Amino acid sequence: QVQLVESGGGLVQPGGSLRLSCAASGFTLDDYFITWFRQAPGKEREGVSSIRLRDGSTFYADSVKGRFTISRDNAKNTLYLQMNSLRSDDTAVYYCARRLWGHEYDYWGQGTQVTVSS
């Protein structure tokens, strides 16, 4: 059974940091892209960062480049999104999702709320 389970969200002050986790199970990670998305109230869903697990290539939206880092822990089958220098406009529900190269995203996690506020 394929599962993606996010955790690590919370309330943080501007300038602070959080690390989100995406625990994957039921499939072989190396075959997939994993992308972190976010959606703020009233806004469209935005792709934040992706990792191509076969070779570790990473991609970042301009809005987070230099502040966020995507990584994986092979032993734990877990992906991470380290978020530094957080701003109020980073407030959103963050989701991880998987897709095969050339295919649509087919599994999504339930999301974790990140709120950046003083």
N, C-alpha and C. Protein backbone atom coordinates (compact mmCIF):
# COMPACT_ATOMS: atom_id res chain seq x y z
N GLN A 1 0.84 -1.19 0.00
CA GLN A 1 0.00 0.00 0.00
C GLN A 1 0.88 1.25 0.00
N VAL A 2 0.70 2.08 -1.01
CA VAL A 2 1.50 3.29 -1.12
C VAL A 2 1.03 4.32 -0.08
N GLN A 3 1.98 4.88 0.63
CA GLN A 3 1.66 5.93 1.59
C GLN A 3 2.74 7.00 1.58
N LEU A 4 2.30 8.23 1.71
CA LEU A 4 3.18 9.36 1.95
C LEU A 4 2.61 10.09 3.15
N VAL A 5 3.40 10.24 4.20
CA VAL A 5 2.91 10.83 5.44
C VAL A 5 3.83 11.98 5.83
N GLU A 6 3.26 13.18 5.81
CA GLU A 6 4.04 14.37 6.18
C GLU A 6 3.95 14.63 7.67
N SER A 7 4.98 15.26 8.19
CA SER A 7 4.99 15.71 9.58
C SER A 7 5.99 16.85 9.72
N GLY A 8 5.95 17.49 10.88
CA GLY A 8 6.96 18.51 11.16
C GLY A 8 6.47 19.94 11.06
N GLY A 9 5.23 20.12 10.65
CA GLY A 9 4.73 21.48 10.56
C GLY A 9 4.50 22.07 11.93
N GLY A 10 4.17 23.36 11.95
CA GLY A 10 3.91 24.02 13.21
C GLY A 10 3.92 25.52 13.06
N LEU A 11 3.95 26.18 14.20
CA LEU A 11 4.00 27.64 14.26
C LEU A 11 5.43 28.07 14.52
N VAL A 12 5.91 29.01 13.71
CA VAL A 12 7.28 29.49 13.87
C VAL A 12 7.31 30.98 13.60
N GLN A 13 8.21 31.67 14.24
CA GLN A 13 8.32 33.12 14.04
C GLN A 13 9.06 33.41 12.73
N PRO A 14 8.81 34.57 12.15
CA PRO A 14 9.58 34.96 10.96
C PRO A 14 11.08 34.89 11.22
N GLY A 15 11.79 34.35 10.25
CA GLY A 15 13.22 34.15 10.39
C GLY A 15 13.60 32.80 10.97
N GLY A 16 12.61 32.07 11.46
CA GLY A 16 12.86 30.78 12.07
C GLY A 16 12.98 29.66 11.05
N SER A 17 13.11 28.44 11.57
CA SER A 17 13.31 27.26 10.74
C SER A 17 12.37 26.14 11.15
N LEU A 18 12.07 25.29 10.18
CA LEU A 18 11.33 24.05 10.41
C LEU A 18 11.89 23.01 9.47
N ARG A 19 11.77 21.75 9.86
CA ARG A 19 12.10 20.66 8.95
C ARG A 19 10.88 19.77 8.81
N LEU A 20 10.39 19.68 7.60
CA LEU A 20 9.27 18.80 7.29
C LEU A 20 9.79 17.44 6.87
N SER A 21 9.02 16.42 7.21
CA SER A 21 9.35 15.05 6.82
C SER A 21 8.23 14.48 5.97
N CYS A 22 8.60 13.61 5.04
CA CYS A 22 7.65 12.89 4.21
C CYS A 22 8.08 11.42 4.24
N ALA A 23 7.39 10.63 5.04
CA ALA A 23 7.72 9.20 5.16
C ALA A 23 7.01 8.43 4.06
N ALA A 24 7.80 7.75 3.25
CA ALA A 24 7.26 7.02 2.10
C ALA A 24 7.28 5.52 2.36
N SER A 25 6.24 4.83 1.92
CA SER A 25 6.20 3.38 2.07
C SER A 25 5.37 2.78 0.94
N GLY A 26 5.63 1.51 0.67
CA GLY A 26 4.84 0.78 -0.31
C GLY A 26 5.33 0.90 -1.74
N PHE A 27 6.48 1.57 -1.95
CA PHE A 27 7.01 1.66 -3.30
C PHE A 27 8.52 1.93 -3.24
N THR A 28 9.16 1.76 -4.38
CA THR A 28 10.60 1.97 -4.46
C THR A 28 10.89 3.42 -4.80
N LEU A 29 11.49 4.12 -3.86
CA LEU A 29 11.71 5.55 -4.02
C LEU A 29 12.50 5.90 -5.27
N ASP A 30 13.49 5.11 -5.60
CA ASP A 30 14.40 5.46 -6.69
C ASP A 30 13.70 5.63 -8.04
N ASP A 31 12.51 5.09 -8.19
CA ASP A 31 11.81 5.18 -9.47
C ASP A 31 11.10 6.52 -9.65
N TYR A 32 11.10 7.35 -8.64
CA TYR A 32 10.19 8.50 -8.62
C TYR A 32 10.85 9.85 -8.43
N PHE A 33 10.10 10.88 -8.85
CA PHE A 33 10.27 12.23 -8.38
C PHE A 33 9.40 12.38 -7.13
N ILE A 34 9.91 13.10 -6.15
CA ILE A 34 9.08 13.53 -5.04
C ILE A 34 9.11 15.06 -5.03
N THR A 35 7.93 15.64 -4.93
CA THR A 35 7.81 17.10 -4.90
C THR A 35 7.10 17.54 -3.63
N TRP A 36 7.62 18.58 -3.05
CA TRP A 36 6.92 19.29 -1.98
C TRP A 36 6.11 20.40 -2.63
N PHE A 37 4.81 20.40 -2.36
CA PHE A 37 3.91 21.45 -2.77
C PHE A 37 3.44 22.21 -1.53
N ARG A 38 2.90 23.38 -1.76
CA ARG A 38 2.22 24.09 -0.68
C ARG A 38 1.01 24.82 -1.24
N GLN A 39 0.04 25.01 -0.36
CA GLN A 39 -1.15 25.77 -0.75
C GLN A 39 -1.58 26.63 0.41
N ALA A 40 -1.60 27.92 0.16
CA ALA A 40 -2.07 28.89 1.15
C ALA A 40 -3.54 29.19 0.87
N PRO A 41 -4.28 29.63 1.88
CA PRO A 41 -5.70 29.95 1.69
C PRO A 41 -5.89 30.95 0.57
N GLY A 42 -6.78 30.63 -0.35
CA GLY A 42 -7.09 31.54 -1.44
C GLY A 42 -6.07 31.59 -2.55
N LYS A 43 -5.04 30.73 -2.46
CA LYS A 43 -4.00 30.74 -3.48
C LYS A 43 -3.92 29.38 -4.17
N GLU A 44 -3.34 29.39 -5.36
CA GLU A 44 -3.14 28.13 -6.07
C GLU A 44 -2.03 27.32 -5.44
N ARG A 45 -2.13 26.03 -5.63
CA ARG A 45 -1.07 25.15 -5.16
C ARG A 45 0.23 25.45 -5.90
N GLU A 46 1.32 25.45 -5.17
CA GLU A 46 2.62 25.82 -5.74
C GLU A 46 3.63 24.70 -5.50
N GLY A 47 4.35 24.32 -6.52
CA GLY A 47 5.45 23.39 -6.36
C GLY A 47 6.63 24.10 -5.75
N VAL A 48 7.12 23.62 -4.64
CA VAL A 48 8.17 24.29 -3.89
C VAL A 48 9.54 23.71 -4.21
N SER A 49 9.63 22.38 -4.18
CA SER A 49 10.92 21.75 -4.40
C SER A 49 10.71 20.30 -4.81
N SER A 50 11.58 19.81 -5.69
CA SER A 50 11.50 18.42 -6.14
C SER A 50 12.87 17.76 -6.03
N ILE A 51 12.83 16.45 -5.92
CA ILE A 51 14.07 15.67 -5.98
C ILE A 51 13.83 14.45 -6.87
N ARG A 52 14.77 14.24 -7.79
CA ARG A 52 14.72 13.04 -8.63
C ARG A 52 15.55 11.99 -7.90
N LEU A 53 14.90 11.02 -7.37
CA LEU A 53 15.54 10.15 -6.39
C LEU A 53 16.60 9.25 -7.01
N ARG A 54 16.51 8.98 -8.28
CA ARG A 54 17.50 8.08 -8.87
C ARG A 54 18.89 8.69 -8.86
N ASP A 55 18.97 10.01 -9.11
CA ASP A 55 20.29 10.62 -9.15
C ASP A 55 20.46 11.77 -8.16
N GLY A 56 19.41 12.07 -7.41
CA GLY A 56 19.52 13.12 -6.39
C GLY A 56 19.40 14.53 -6.91
N SER A 57 19.07 14.71 -8.18
CA SER A 57 18.90 16.06 -8.72
C SER A 57 17.78 16.78 -7.98
N THR A 58 18.02 18.04 -7.70
CA THR A 58 17.04 18.81 -6.95
C THR A 58 16.61 20.05 -7.73
N PHE A 59 15.42 20.53 -7.45
CA PHE A 59 14.85 21.67 -8.11
C PHE A 59 14.12 22.51 -7.07
N TYR A 60 14.18 23.84 -7.23
CA TYR A 60 13.56 24.74 -6.27
C TYR A 60 12.82 25.85 -6.99
N ALA A 61 11.67 26.21 -6.42
CA ALA A 61 10.99 27.41 -6.89
C ALA A 61 11.83 28.62 -6.53
N ASP A 62 11.74 29.65 -7.36
CA ASP A 62 12.52 30.86 -7.09
C ASP A 62 12.19 31.45 -5.72
N SER A 63 10.96 31.27 -5.29
CA SER A 63 10.52 31.88 -4.03
C SER A 63 11.21 31.27 -2.80
N VAL A 64 11.78 30.07 -2.96
CA VAL A 64 12.40 29.40 -1.81
C VAL A 64 13.88 29.12 -2.01
N LYS A 65 14.38 29.42 -3.19
CA LYS A 65 15.78 29.10 -3.51
C LYS A 65 16.71 29.80 -2.53
N GLY A 66 17.64 29.06 -1.99
CA GLY A 66 18.57 29.62 -1.02
C GLY A 66 18.08 29.54 0.41
N ARG A 67 16.82 29.24 0.60
CA ARG A 67 16.26 29.13 1.96
C ARG A 67 15.83 27.72 2.30
N PHE A 68 15.34 26.98 1.33
CA PHE A 68 14.84 25.62 1.55
C PHE A 68 15.80 24.61 0.94
N THR A 69 15.88 23.44 1.57
CA THR A 69 16.70 22.36 1.06
C THR A 69 15.93 21.05 1.14
N ILE A 70 15.87 20.35 0.02
CA ILE A 70 15.22 19.04 -0.02
C ILE A 70 16.29 17.97 0.08
N SER A 71 15.99 16.91 0.82
CA SER A 71 16.97 15.83 0.99
C SER A 71 16.24 14.53 1.29
N ARG A 72 17.01 13.44 1.35
CA ARG A 72 16.41 12.14 1.64
C ARG A 72 17.30 11.38 2.62
N ASP A 73 16.66 10.49 3.35
CA ASP A 73 17.35 9.53 4.20
C ASP A 73 16.99 8.15 3.67
N ASN A 74 17.96 7.52 3.01
CA ASN A 74 17.68 6.22 2.38
C ASN A 74 17.26 5.17 3.40
N ALA A 75 17.91 5.17 4.53
CA ALA A 75 17.64 4.13 5.53
C ALA A 75 16.22 4.24 6.07
N LYS A 76 15.71 5.45 6.10
CA LYS A 76 14.37 5.66 6.69
C LYS A 76 13.30 5.82 5.63
N ASN A 77 13.68 5.77 4.34
CA ASN A 77 12.71 6.00 3.26
C ASN A 77 11.93 7.29 3.47
N THR A 78 12.65 8.31 3.85
CA THR A 78 12.02 9.57 4.22
C THR A 78 12.66 10.72 3.47
N LEU A 79 11.81 11.65 3.02
CA LEU A 79 12.26 12.87 2.39
C LEU A 79 12.09 14.01 3.38
N TYR A 80 12.94 15.01 3.26
CA TYR A 80 12.88 16.15 4.16
C TYR A 80 12.84 17.44 3.37
N LEU A 81 12.25 18.44 4.00
CA LEU A 81 12.32 19.80 3.47
C LEU A 81 12.77 20.69 4.63
N GLN A 82 14.02 21.08 4.60
CA GLN A 82 14.55 21.99 5.60
C GLN A 82 14.22 23.41 5.15
N MET A 83 13.52 24.13 6.00
CA MET A 83 13.06 25.47 5.66
C MET A 83 13.69 26.46 6.64
N ASN A 84 14.51 27.34 6.11
CA ASN A 84 15.17 28.36 6.91
C ASN A 84 14.70 29.76 6.51
N SER A 85 14.98 30.72 7.34
CA SER A 85 14.62 32.12 7.05
C SER A 85 13.16 32.23 6.63
N LEU A 86 12.32 31.61 7.40
CA LEU A 86 10.90 31.56 7.03
C LEU A 86 10.27 32.94 7.09
N ARG A 87 9.33 33.14 6.18
CA ARG A 87 8.62 34.41 6.05
C ARG A 87 7.13 34.15 6.18
N SER A 88 6.38 35.20 6.41
CA SER A 88 4.94 35.04 6.56
C SER A 88 4.30 34.46 5.31
N ASP A 89 4.87 34.76 4.14
CA ASP A 89 4.28 34.22 2.91
C ASP A 89 4.65 32.77 2.65
N ASP A 90 5.38 32.15 3.56
CA ASP A 90 5.60 30.70 3.50
C ASP A 90 4.47 29.95 4.21
N THR A 91 3.59 30.67 4.87
CA THR A 91 2.47 30.03 5.56
C THR A 91 1.59 29.30 4.56
N ALA A 92 1.37 28.02 4.81
CA ALA A 92 0.60 27.19 3.88
C ALA A 92 0.51 25.78 4.46
N VAL A 93 -0.33 24.97 3.82
CA VAL A 93 -0.29 23.53 4.05
C VAL A 93 0.70 22.96 3.05
N TYR A 94 1.63 22.17 3.55
CA TYR A 94 2.67 21.58 2.72
C TYR A 94 2.38 20.09 2.51
N TYR A 95 2.50 19.67 1.26
CA TYR A 95 2.21 18.30 0.86
C TYR A 95 3.43 17.72 0.13
N CYS A 96 3.63 16.43 0.26
CA CYS A 96 4.57 15.75 -0.62
C CYS A 96 3.76 14.84 -1.56
N ALA A 97 4.29 14.68 -2.75
CA ALA A 97 3.61 13.87 -3.76
C ALA A 97 4.65 13.18 -4.62
N ARG A 98 4.26 12.09 -5.24
CA ARG A 98 5.19 11.35 -6.07
C ARG A 98 4.70 11.29 -7.51
N ARG A 99 5.64 11.17 -8.44
CA ARG A 99 5.28 10.86 -9.81
C ARG A 99 6.44 10.16 -10.49
N LEU A 100 6.09 9.39 -11.48
CA LEU A 100 7.11 8.83 -12.36
C LEU A 100 7.46 9.87 -13.41
N TRP A 101 8.65 9.79 -13.96
CA TRP A 101 9.07 10.69 -15.03
C TRP A 101 8.07 10.62 -16.17
N GLY A 102 7.54 11.77 -16.57
CA GLY A 102 6.60 11.85 -17.68
C GLY A 102 5.17 11.52 -17.32
N HIS A 103 4.90 11.32 -16.06
CA HIS A 103 3.54 11.01 -15.61
C HIS A 103 3.04 12.08 -14.65
N GLU A 104 1.74 11.99 -14.38
CA GLU A 104 1.14 12.89 -13.41
C GLU A 104 1.43 12.40 -11.99
N TYR A 105 1.27 13.30 -11.03
CA TYR A 105 1.37 12.91 -9.62
C TYR A 105 0.21 11.99 -9.29
N ASP A 106 0.52 10.87 -8.63
CA ASP A 106 -0.55 9.90 -8.40
C ASP A 106 -0.82 9.62 -6.92
N TYR A 107 0.09 9.96 -6.04
CA TYR A 107 -0.14 9.81 -4.60
C TYR A 107 0.32 11.07 -3.88
N TRP A 108 -0.51 11.47 -2.94
CA TRP A 108 -0.25 12.68 -2.15
C TRP A 108 -0.36 12.34 -0.68
N GLY A 109 0.41 13.06 0.12
CA GLY A 109 0.21 12.94 1.56
C GLY A 109 -0.97 13.78 2.00
N GLN A 110 -1.22 13.75 3.31
CA GLN A 110 -2.38 14.45 3.86
C GLN A 110 -2.09 15.91 4.14
N GLY A 111 -0.83 16.29 4.16
CA GLY A 111 -0.44 17.67 4.36
C GLY A 111 -0.08 17.97 5.81
N THR A 112 0.75 18.98 5.99
CA THR A 112 1.11 19.46 7.32
C THR A 112 1.12 20.99 7.27
N GLN A 113 0.53 21.59 8.28
CA GLN A 113 0.36 23.05 8.31
C GLN A 113 1.63 23.72 8.80
N VAL A 114 2.06 24.73 8.06
CA VAL A 114 3.16 25.59 8.48
C VAL A 114 2.61 27.01 8.60
N THR A 115 2.78 27.58 9.77
CA THR A 115 2.33 28.95 10.02
C THR A 115 3.51 29.77 10.50
N VAL A 116 3.79 30.84 9.77
CA VAL A 116 4.90 31.73 10.12
C VAL A 116 4.28 33.05 10.59
N SER A 117 4.42 33.30 11.86
CA SER A 117 3.78 34.48 12.44
C SER A 117 4.47 34.84 13.75
N SER A 118 4.48 36.14 14.01
CA SER A 118 5.02 36.61 15.29
C SER A 118 3.91 36.74 16.32
